[in-house]
C-alpha atoms as a PDB file:
ATOM      1  CA  MET A   1     -27.566 -14.214 -47.866  1.00  0.00           C
ATOM      2  CA  GLN A   2     -27.482 -10.661 -46.556  1.00  0.00           C
ATOM      3  CA  HIS A   3     -30.761  -9.052 -45.429  1.00  0.00           C
ATOM      4  CA  ILE A   4     -30.643  -5.240 -45.350  1.00  0.00           C
ATOM      5  CA  LYS A   5     -33.498  -3.257 -43.827  1.00  0.00           C
ATOM      6  CA  LEU A   6     -33.318   0.130 -45.483  1.00  0.00           C
ATOM      7  CA  LYS A   7     -33.957   3.106 -43.237  1.00  0.00           C
ATOM      8  CA  PHE A   8     -35.169   6.581 -44.105  1.00  0.00           C
ATOM      9  CA  GLN A   9     -35.062   9.285 -41.438  1.00  0.00           C
ATOM     10  CA  ASP A  10     -38.074  11.182 -42.727  1.00  0.00           C
ATOM     11  CA  LYS A  11     -40.969   8.857 -41.858  1.00  0.00           C
ATOM     12  CA  SER A  12     -43.384  11.014 -43.879  1.00  0.00           C
ATOM     13  CA  ILE A  13     -41.738   9.995 -47.174  1.00  0.00           C
ATOM     14  CA  ILE A  14     -43.960   7.541 -49.024  1.00  0.00           C
ATOM     15  CA  ILE A  15     -42.434   7.817 -52.528  1.00  0.00           C
ATOM     16  CA  LEU A  16     -38.691   7.575 -53.120  1.00  0.00           C
ATOM     17  CA  SER A  17     -37.255   9.588 -55.980  1.00  0.00           C
ATOM     18  CA  GLY A  18     -33.993  10.897 -57.339  1.00  0.00           C
ATOM     19  CA  ARG A  19     -31.017   9.095 -58.804  1.00  0.00           C
ATOM     20  CA  PRO A  20     -28.557  10.933 -56.509  1.00  0.00           C
ATOM     21  CA  PHE A  21     -30.642   9.930 -53.467  1.00  0.00           C
ATOM     22  CA  GLY A  22     -30.646   6.306 -54.666  1.00  0.00           C
ATOM     23  CA  GLU A  23     -26.870   6.402 -55.082  1.00  0.00           C
ATOM     24  CA  GLU A  24     -26.497   7.902 -51.597  1.00  0.00           C
ATOM     25  CA  VAL A  25     -28.634   5.155 -50.029  1.00  0.00           C
ATOM     26  CA  PHE A  26     -26.611   2.493 -51.847  1.00  0.00           C
ATOM     27  CA  ASN A  27     -23.281   3.968 -50.730  1.00  0.00           C
ATOM     28  CA  GLU A  28     -24.345   4.441 -47.105  1.00  0.00           C
ATOM     29  CA  GLN A  29     -26.636   1.485 -46.388  1.00  0.00           C
ATOM     30  CA  ILE A  30     -25.876  -1.248 -48.923  1.00  0.00           C
ATOM     31  CA  ALA A  31     -22.300  -1.100 -50.247  1.00  0.00           C
ATOM     32  CA  PRO A  32     -20.620  -1.517 -46.834  1.00  0.00           C
ATOM     33  CA  LYS A  33     -22.576  -4.748 -46.211  1.00  0.00           C
ATOM     34  CA  ILE A  34     -22.442  -6.659 -49.504  1.00  0.00           C
ATOM     35  CA  LYS A  35     -18.837  -7.653 -50.107  1.00  0.00           C
ATOM     36  CA  ASP A  36     -18.792 -11.122 -51.695  1.00  0.00           C
ATOM     37  CA  GLU A  37     -22.531 -11.641 -51.128  1.00  0.00           C
ATOM     38  CA  LYS A  38     -24.280 -13.643 -53.835  1.00  0.00           C
ATOM     39  CA  GLU A  39     -27.844 -12.894 -52.721  1.00  0.00           C
ATOM     40  CA  ILE A  40     -29.106  -9.755 -51.008  1.00  0.00           C
ATOM     41  CA  VAL A  41     -32.559  -8.940 -49.686  1.00  0.00           C
ATOM     42  CA  LEU A  42     -33.382  -5.224 -49.686  1.00  0.00           C
ATOM     43  CA  GLU A  43     -36.298  -4.597 -47.362  1.00  0.00           C
ATOM     44  CA  PHE A  44     -38.179  -1.339 -47.714  1.00  0.00           C
ATOM     45  CA  PRO A  45     -40.043   0.031 -44.681  1.00  0.00           C
ATOM     46  CA  PRO A  46     -43.851  -0.115 -44.824  1.00  0.00           C
ATOM     47  CA  GLN A  47     -44.275   3.646 -45.281  1.00  0.00           C
ATOM     48  CA  ILE A  48     -42.657   3.402 -48.743  1.00  0.00           C
ATOM     49  CA  LYS A  49     -45.461   2.892 -51.238  1.00  0.00           C
ATOM     50  CA  SER A  50     -43.808   3.680 -54.577  1.00  0.00           C
ATOM     51  CA  PHE A  51     -40.772   4.982 -56.486  1.00  0.00           C
ATOM     52  CA  SER A  52     -40.060   7.318 -59.320  1.00  0.00           C
ATOM     53  CA  SER A  53     -37.916   5.416 -61.821  1.00  0.00           C
ATOM     54  CA  SER A  54     -34.881   7.501 -60.941  1.00  0.00           C
ATOM     55  CA  PHE A  55     -34.514   6.135 -57.392  1.00  0.00           C
ATOM     56  CA  PRO A  56     -34.158   2.394 -58.170  1.00  0.00           C
ATOM     57  CA  THR A  57     -31.878   3.087 -61.134  1.00  0.00           C
ATOM     58  CA  GLY A  58     -29.666   5.246 -58.918  1.00  0.00           C
ATOM     59  CA  LEU A  59     -29.784   2.735 -56.075  1.00  0.00           C
ATOM     60  CA  LEU A  60     -28.407  -0.106 -58.182  1.00  0.00           C
ATOM     61  CA  SER A  61     -26.619   1.794 -60.964  1.00  0.00           C
ATOM     62  CA  SER A  62     -23.109   0.710 -59.969  1.00  0.00           C
ATOM     63  CA  GLU A  63     -24.212  -2.905 -59.681  1.00  0.00           C
ATOM     64  CA  VAL A  64     -25.977  -2.821 -63.068  1.00  0.00           C
ATOM     65  CA  GLU A  65     -22.857  -1.315 -64.669  1.00  0.00           C
ATOM     66  CA  GLU A  66     -20.669  -4.028 -63.170  1.00  0.00           C
ATOM     67  CA  LEU A  67     -22.924  -7.108 -63.423  1.00  0.00           C
ATOM     68  CA  GLY A  68     -25.637  -6.301 -65.961  1.00  0.00           C
ATOM     69  CA  LEU A  69     -29.349  -5.962 -65.209  1.00  0.00           C
ATOM     70  CA  GLU A  70     -30.250  -9.664 -65.435  1.00  0.00           C
ATOM     71  CA  ASN A  71     -27.541 -10.617 -62.925  1.00  0.00           C
ATOM     72  CA  VAL A  72     -28.602  -7.797 -60.609  1.00  0.00           C
ATOM     73  CA  LYS A  73     -32.174  -9.135 -60.699  1.00  0.00           C
ATOM     74  CA  LYS A  74     -30.822 -12.539 -59.636  1.00  0.00           C
ATOM     75  CA  LYS A  75     -28.645 -11.070 -56.884  1.00  0.00           C
ATOM     76  CA  TYR A  76     -31.165  -8.679 -55.291  1.00  0.00           C
ATOM     77  CA  ILE A  77     -34.499  -9.635 -53.783  1.00  0.00           C
ATOM     78  CA  ILE A  78     -36.802  -6.681 -53.149  1.00  0.00           C
ATOM     79  CA  PHE A  79     -39.057  -7.075 -50.115  1.00  0.00           C
ATOM     80  CA  SER A  80     -41.886  -4.911 -48.842  1.00  0.00           C
ATOM     81  CA  GLU A  81     -45.083  -5.475 -46.880  1.00  0.00           C
ATOM     82  CA  ILE A  82     -46.829  -3.238 -49.439  1.00  0.00           C
ATOM     83  CA  ASP A  83     -48.289  -4.886 -52.534  1.00  0.00           C
ATOM     84  CA  GLY A  84     -46.742  -3.728 -55.785  1.00  0.00           C
ATOM     85  CA  VAL A  85     -43.519  -2.275 -54.384  1.00  0.00           C
ATOM     86  CA  LYS A  86     -41.344  -5.119 -55.689  1.00  0.00           C
ATOM     87  CA  GLU A  87     -42.917  -4.956 -59.141  1.00  0.00           C
ATOM     88  CA  GLY A  88     -42.705  -1.158 -59.226  1.00  0.00           C
ATOM     89  CA  PHE A  89     -39.043  -1.290 -58.288  1.00  0.00           C
ATOM     90  CA  TRP A  90     -38.062  -3.559 -61.197  1.00  0.00           C
ATOM     91  CA  GLU A  91     -40.376  -1.774 -63.672  1.00  0.00           C
ATOM     92  CA  SER A  92     -38.167   1.292 -63.173  1.00  0.00           C
ATOM     93  CA  PHE A  93     -35.490  -0.436 -65.257  1.00  0.00           C
ATOM     94  CA  ASP A  94     -37.758  -1.075 -68.269  1.00  0.00           C
END
């Protein structure tokens, strides 16, 4: 299992948005670390409180295209100290 602590330079950001930004984070912080991994924990820093639906869909768009949403939900575990972040992340795909 790979555990990836996502980092965002701007510590004042509390809501992540934008499909292109999600894709950028995936390409820079996730893709280089997940080769052949079957289970991946994505840990969001405590300042992140919420998402617009565009960020999560951009973050995992290439994985969803390749594996399908249900398999992506099995492969990725979303972790945050903030209540509701995990649920809000996956609700973005509904």
